């Protein structure tokens, strides 16, 4: 029974289908890298780019 007595919908707008959630079936969780490793990478990038900022400014 519809919510409103005069409720209706257009039959041509009805669609039958399914949504497949690929993440639910195929995603495999990978734990994040350790914080020490991330910090080491950031420091290495900072050392590489240290001279670049001076070149841009001057």
PDB file of N, CA and C in Angstrom:
ATOM      1  N   UNK A   1       0.841  -1.168   0.000  1.00  0.00           N
ATOM      2  CA  UNK A   1       0.000   0.000   0.000  1.00  0.00           C
ATOM      3  C   UNK A   1       0.898   1.247   0.000  1.00  0.00           C
ATOM      4  N   UNK A   2       0.653   2.176  -0.878  1.00  0.00           N
ATOM      5  CA  UNK A   2       1.499   3.369  -0.959  1.00  0.00           C
ATOM      6  C   UNK A   2       1.336   4.253   0.272  1.00  0.00           C
ATOM      7  N   UNK A   3       2.304   5.120   0.477  1.00  0.00           N
ATOM      8  CA  UNK A   3       2.270   6.035   1.611  1.00  0.00           C
ATOM      9  C   UNK A   3       1.159   7.066   1.456  1.00  0.00           C
ATOM     10  N   UNK A   4       0.928   7.474   0.225  1.00  0.00           N
ATOM     11  CA  UNK A   4      -0.149   8.425  -0.040  1.00  0.00           C
ATOM     12  C   UNK A   4      -1.140   7.739  -0.976  1.00  0.00           C
ATOM     13  N   UNK A   5      -2.426   7.932  -0.783  1.00  0.00           N
ATOM     14  CA  UNK A   5      -3.409   7.223  -1.608  1.00  0.00           C
ATOM     15  C   UNK A   5      -3.301   7.568  -3.096  1.00  0.00           C
ATOM     16  N   UNK A   6      -2.801   8.761  -3.437  1.00  0.00           N
ATOM     17  CA  UNK A   6      -2.699   9.129  -4.842  1.00  0.00           C
ATOM     18  C   UNK A   6      -1.263   9.001  -5.368  1.00  0.00           C
ATOM     19  N   UNK A   7      -0.408   8.244  -4.672  1.00  0.00           N
ATOM     20  CA  UNK A   7       0.987   8.077  -5.097  1.00  0.00           C
ATOM     21  C   UNK A   7       1.046   7.217  -6.361  1.00  0.00           C
ATOM     22  N   UNK A   8       2.022   7.529  -7.223  1.00  0.00           N
ATOM     23  CA  UNK A   8       2.223   6.773  -8.455  1.00  0.00           C
ATOM     24  C   UNK A   8       3.674   6.928  -8.897  1.00  0.00           C
ATOM     25  N   UNK A   9       4.115   6.084  -9.821  1.00  0.00           N
ATOM     26  CA  UNK A   9       5.438   6.215 -10.426  1.00  0.00           C
ATOM     27  C   UNK A   9       5.343   5.814 -11.879  1.00  0.00           C
ATOM     28  N   UNK A  10       6.284   6.294 -12.629  1.00  0.00           N
ATOM     29  CA  UNK A  10       6.311   6.016 -14.058  1.00  0.00           C
ATOM     30  C   UNK A  10       6.947   4.644 -14.279  1.00  0.00           C
ATOM     31  N   UNK A  11       6.249   3.736 -14.880  1.00  0.00           N
ATOM     32  CA  UNK A  11       6.719   2.365 -15.071  1.00  0.00           C
ATOM     33  C   UNK A  11       7.990   2.299 -15.917  1.00  0.00           C
ATOM     34  N   UNK A  12       8.176   3.234 -16.857  1.00  0.00           N
ATOM     35  CA  UNK A  12       9.368   3.166 -17.715  1.00  0.00           C
ATOM     36  C   UNK A  12      10.640   3.564 -16.953  1.00  0.00           C
ATOM     37  N   UNK A  13      10.519   4.208 -15.789  1.00  0.00           N
ATOM     38  CA  UNK A  13      11.676   4.585 -14.985  1.00  0.00           C
ATOM     39  C   UNK A  13      12.140   3.462 -14.063  1.00  0.00           C
ATOM     40  N   UNK A  14      11.386   2.407 -13.935  1.00  0.00           N
ATOM     41  CA  UNK A  14      11.782   1.287 -13.082  1.00  0.00           C
ATOM     42  C   UNK A  14      12.957   0.554 -13.707  1.00  0.00           C
ATOM     43  N   UNK A  15      13.955   0.238 -12.879  1.00  0.00           N
ATOM     44  CA  UNK A  15      15.126  -0.495 -13.347  1.00  0.00           C
ATOM     45  C   UNK A  15      15.353  -1.667 -12.409  1.00  0.00           C
ATOM     46  N   UNK A  16      15.739  -2.781 -12.981  1.00  0.00           N
ATOM     47  CA  UNK A  16      16.082  -3.944 -12.194  1.00  0.00           C
ATOM     48  C   UNK A  16      17.572  -4.175 -12.394  1.00  0.00           C
ATOM     49  N   UNK A  17      18.311  -4.261 -11.332  1.00  0.00           N
ATOM     50  CA  UNK A  17      19.743  -4.469 -11.447  1.00  0.00           C
ATOM     51  C   UNK A  17      20.356  -4.688 -10.085  1.00  0.00           C
ATOM     52  N   UNK A  18      21.642  -4.887 -10.125  1.00  0.00           N
ATOM     53  CA  UNK A  18      22.369  -5.163  -8.901  1.00  0.00           C
ATOM     54  C   UNK A  18      23.624  -4.314  -8.869  1.00  0.00           C
ATOM     55  N   UNK A  19      24.069  -3.983  -7.675  1.00  0.00           N
ATOM     56  CA  UNK A  19      25.325  -3.275  -7.495  1.00  0.00           C
ATOM     57  C   UNK A  19      26.308  -4.246  -6.865  1.00  0.00           C
ATOM     58  N   UNK A  20      27.439  -4.419  -7.508  1.00  0.00           N
ATOM     59  CA  UNK A  20      28.461  -5.316  -6.982  1.00  0.00           C
ATOM     60  C   UNK A  20      29.513  -4.458  -6.283  1.00  0.00           C
ATOM     61  N   UNK A  21      29.678  -4.662  -5.008  1.00  0.00           N
ATOM     62  CA  UNK A  21      30.659  -3.923  -4.227  1.00  0.00           C
ATOM     63  C   UNK A  21      31.996  -4.668  -4.317  1.00  0.00           C
ATOM     64  N   UNK A  22      32.846  -4.215  -5.257  1.00  0.00           N
ATOM     65  CA  UNK A  22      34.112  -4.905  -5.487  1.00  0.00           C
ATOM     66  C   UNK A  22      35.029  -4.822  -4.275  1.00  0.00           C
ATOM     67  N   UNK A  23      34.979  -3.719  -3.549  1.00  0.00           N
ATOM     68  CA  UNK A  23      35.832  -3.578  -2.376  1.00  0.00           C
ATOM     69  C   UNK A  23      35.493  -4.649  -1.330  1.00  0.00           C
ATOM     70  N   UNK A  24      34.247  -4.967  -1.212  1.00  0.00           N
ATOM     71  CA  UNK A  24      33.826  -5.957  -0.219  1.00  0.00           C
ATOM     72  C   UNK A  24      34.411  -7.343  -0.531  1.00  0.00           C
ATOM     73  N   UNK A  25      34.517  -7.673  -1.796  1.00  0.00           N
ATOM     74  CA  UNK A  25      34.938  -9.015  -2.171  1.00  0.00           C
ATOM     75  C   UNK A  25      36.425  -9.119  -2.513  1.00  0.00           C
ATOM     76  N   UNK A  26      37.033  -8.041  -2.983  1.00  0.00           N
ATOM     77  CA  UNK A  26      38.400  -8.148  -3.496  1.00  0.00           C
ATOM     78  C   UNK A  26      39.428  -7.335  -2.718  1.00  0.00           C
ATOM     79  N   UNK A  27      39.032  -6.422  -1.835  1.00  0.00           N
ATOM     80  CA  UNK A  27      39.976  -5.580  -1.108  1.00  0.00           C
ATOM     81  C   UNK A  27      40.676  -6.398  -0.038  1.00  0.00           C
ATOM     82  N   UNK A  28      41.984  -6.280  -0.017  1.00  0.00           N
ATOM     83  CA  UNK A  28      42.766  -6.927   1.031  1.00  0.00           C
ATOM     84  C   UNK A  28      43.494  -5.833   1.804  1.00  0.00           C
ATOM     85  N   UNK A  29      43.207  -5.741   3.076  1.00  0.00           N
ATOM     86  CA  UNK A  29      43.778  -4.688   3.921  1.00  0.00           C
ATOM     87  C   UNK A  29      45.285  -4.848   4.010  1.00  0.00           C
ATOM     88  N   UNK A  30      46.000  -3.720   3.832  1.00  0.00           N
ATOM     89  CA  UNK A  30      47.442  -3.699   4.035  1.00  0.00           C
ATOM     90  C   UNK A  30      47.716  -2.688   5.148  1.00  0.00           C
ATOM     91  N   UNK A  31      48.355  -3.112   6.206  1.00  0.00           N
ATOM     92  CA  UNK A  31      48.606  -2.185   7.306  1.00  0.00           C
ATOM     93  C   UNK A  31      49.532  -1.051   6.849  1.00  0.00           C
ATOM     94  N   UNK A  32      49.372   0.135   7.428  1.00  0.00           N
ATOM     95  CA  UNK A  32      50.226   1.251   7.030  1.00  0.00           C
ATOM     96  C   UNK A  32      51.682   1.007   7.424  1.00  0.00           C
ATOM     97  N   UNK A  33      52.567   1.718   6.740  1.00  0.00           N
ATOM     98  CA  UNK A  33      53.985   1.576   7.054  1.00  0.00           C
ATOM     99  C   UNK A  33      54.260   2.139   8.455  1.00  0.00           C
ATOM    100  N   UNK A  34      55.333   1.681   9.071  1.00  0.00           N
ATOM    101  CA  UNK A  34      55.674   2.216  10.399  1.00  0.00           C
ATOM    102  C   UNK A  34      55.991   3.713  10.304  1.00  0.00           C
ATOM    103  N   UNK A  35      55.687   4.434  11.359  1.00  0.00           N
ATOM    104  CA  UNK A  35      55.879   5.879  11.388  1.00  0.00           C
ATOM    105  C   UNK A  35      57.348   6.250  11.198  1.00  0.00           C
ATOM    106  N   UNK A  36      58.246   5.469  11.746  1.00  0.00           N
ATOM    107  CA  UNK A  36      59.675   5.761  11.610  1.00  0.00           C
ATOM    108  C   UNK A  36      60.109   5.711  10.144  1.00  0.00           C
ATOM    109  N   UNK A  37      59.572   4.770   9.400  1.00  0.00           N
ATOM    110  CA  UNK A  37      59.906   4.644   7.978  1.00  0.00           C
ATOM    111  C   UNK A  37      59.371   5.835   7.180  1.00  0.00           C
ATOM    112  N   UNK A  38      58.177   6.278   7.488  1.00  0.00           N
ATOM    113  CA  UNK A  38      57.587   7.428   6.808  1.00  0.00           C
ATOM    114  C   UNK A  38      58.394   8.691   7.118  1.00  0.00           C
ATOM    115  N   UNK A  39      58.754   8.878   8.382  1.00  0.00           N
ATOM    116  CA  UNK A  39      59.540  10.044   8.778  1.00  0.00           C
ATOM    117  C   UNK A  39      60.891  10.044   8.078  1.00  0.00           C
ATOM    118  N   UNK A  40      61.510   8.874   7.952  1.00  0.00           N
ATOM    119  CA  UNK A  40      62.796   8.758   7.261  1.00  0.00           C
ATOM    120  C   UNK A  40      62.665   9.182   5.805  1.00  0.00           C
ATOM    121  N   UNK A  41      61.590   8.761   5.138  1.00  0.00           N
ATOM    122  CA  UNK A  41      61.364   9.145   3.746  1.00  0.00           C
ATOM    123  C   UNK A  41      61.150  10.643   3.608  1.00  0.00           C
ATOM    124  N   UNK A  42      60.401  11.244   4.521  1.00  0.00           N
ATOM    125  CA  UNK A  42      60.151  12.690   4.473  1.00  0.00           C
ATOM    126  C   UNK A  42      61.451  13.456   4.651  1.00  0.00           C
ATOM    127  N   UNK A  43      62.277  13.035   5.590  1.00  0.00           N
ATOM    128  CA  UNK A  43      63.557  13.711   5.809  1.00  0.00           C
ATOM    129  C   UNK A  43      64.466  13.582   4.591  1.00  0.00           C
ATOM    130  N   UNK A  44      64.455  12.432   3.933  1.00  0.00           N
ATOM    131  CA  UNK A  44      65.271  12.242   2.731  1.00  0.00           C
ATOM    132  C   UNK A  44      64.804  13.175   1.610  1.00  0.00           C
ATOM    133  N   UNK A  45      63.519  13.337   1.452  1.00  0.00           N
ATOM    134  CA  UNK A  45      62.976  14.238   0.426  1.00  0.00           C
ATOM    135  C   UNK A  45      63.328  15.682   0.750  1.00  0.00           C
ATOM    136  N   UNK A  46      63.262  16.049   2.021  1.00  0.00           N
ATOM    137  CA  UNK A  46      63.633  17.407   2.415  1.00  0.00           C
ATOM    138  C   UNK A  46      65.094  17.688   2.096  1.00  0.00           C
ATOM    139  N   UNK A  47      65.982  16.718   2.323  1.00  0.00           N
ATOM    140  CA  UNK A  47      67.397  16.901   2.003  1.00  0.00           C
ATOM    141  C   UNK A  47      67.609  17.061   0.500  1.00  0.00           C
ATOM    142  N   UNK A  48      66.865  16.318  -0.301  1.00  0.00           N
ATOM    143  CA  UNK A  48      66.990  16.417  -1.764  1.00  0.00           C
ATOM    144  C   UNK A  48      66.542  17.782  -2.268  1.00  0.00           C
ATOM    145  N   UNK A  49      65.499  18.333  -1.666  1.00  0.00           N
ATOM    146  CA  UNK A  49      64.916  19.570  -2.175  1.00  0.00           C
ATOM    147  C   UNK A  49      65.437  20.819  -1.477  1.00  0.00           C
ATOM    148  N   UNK A  50      66.370  20.674  -0.559  1.00  0.00           N
ATOM    149  CA  UNK A  50      66.852  21.828   0.200  1.00  0.00           C
ATOM    150  C   UNK A  50      67.479  22.873  -0.717  1.00  0.00           C
ATOM    151  N   UNK A  51      68.291  22.453  -1.656  1.00  0.00           N
ATOM    152  CA  UNK A  51      68.958  23.388  -2.565  1.00  0.00           C
ATOM    153  C   UNK A  51      67.995  23.984  -3.583  1.00  0.00           C
ATOM    154  N   UNK A  52      66.926  23.310  -3.890  1.00  0.00           N
ATOM    155  CA  UNK A  52      65.992  23.783  -4.911  1.00  0.00           C
ATOM    156  C   UNK A  52      65.288  25.065  -4.473  1.00  0.00           C
ATOM    157  N   UNK A  53      64.917  25.155  -3.220  1.00  0.00           N
ATOM    158  CA  UNK A  53      64.234  26.355  -2.740  1.00  0.00           C
ATOM    159  C   UNK A  53      65.146  27.572  -2.827  1.00  0.00           C
ATOM    160  N   UNK A  54      66.414  27.396  -2.493  1.00  0.00           N
ATOM    161  CA  UNK A  54      67.362  28.494  -2.591  1.00  0.00           C
ATOM    162  C   UNK A  54      67.522  28.951  -4.042  1.00  0.00           C
ATOM    163  N   UNK A  55      67.551  27.993  -4.974  1.00  0.00           N
ATOM    164  CA  UNK A  55      67.674  28.339  -6.407  1.00  0.00           C
ATOM    165  C   UNK A  55      66.462  29.114  -6.900  1.00  0.00           C
ATOM    166  N   UNK A  56      65.296  28.769  -6.425  1.00  0.00           N
ATOM    167  CA  UNK A  56      64.072  29.438  -6.861  1.00  0.00           C
ATOM    168  C   UNK A  56      64.022  30.857  -6.328  1.00  0.00           C
ATOM    169  N   UNK A  57      64.378  31.029  -5.071  1.00  0.00           N
ATOM    170  CA  UNK A  57      64.317  32.354  -4.443  1.00  0.00           C
ATOM    171  C   UNK A  57      65.365  33.295  -5.028  1.00  0.00           C
ATOM    172  N   UNK A  58      66.580  32.804  -5.249  1.00  0.00           N
ATOM    173  CA  UNK A  58      67.679  33.675  -5.711  1.00  0.00           C
ATOM    174  C   UNK A  58      67.722  33.844  -7.183  1.00  0.00           C
TER     175      UNK A  58
END
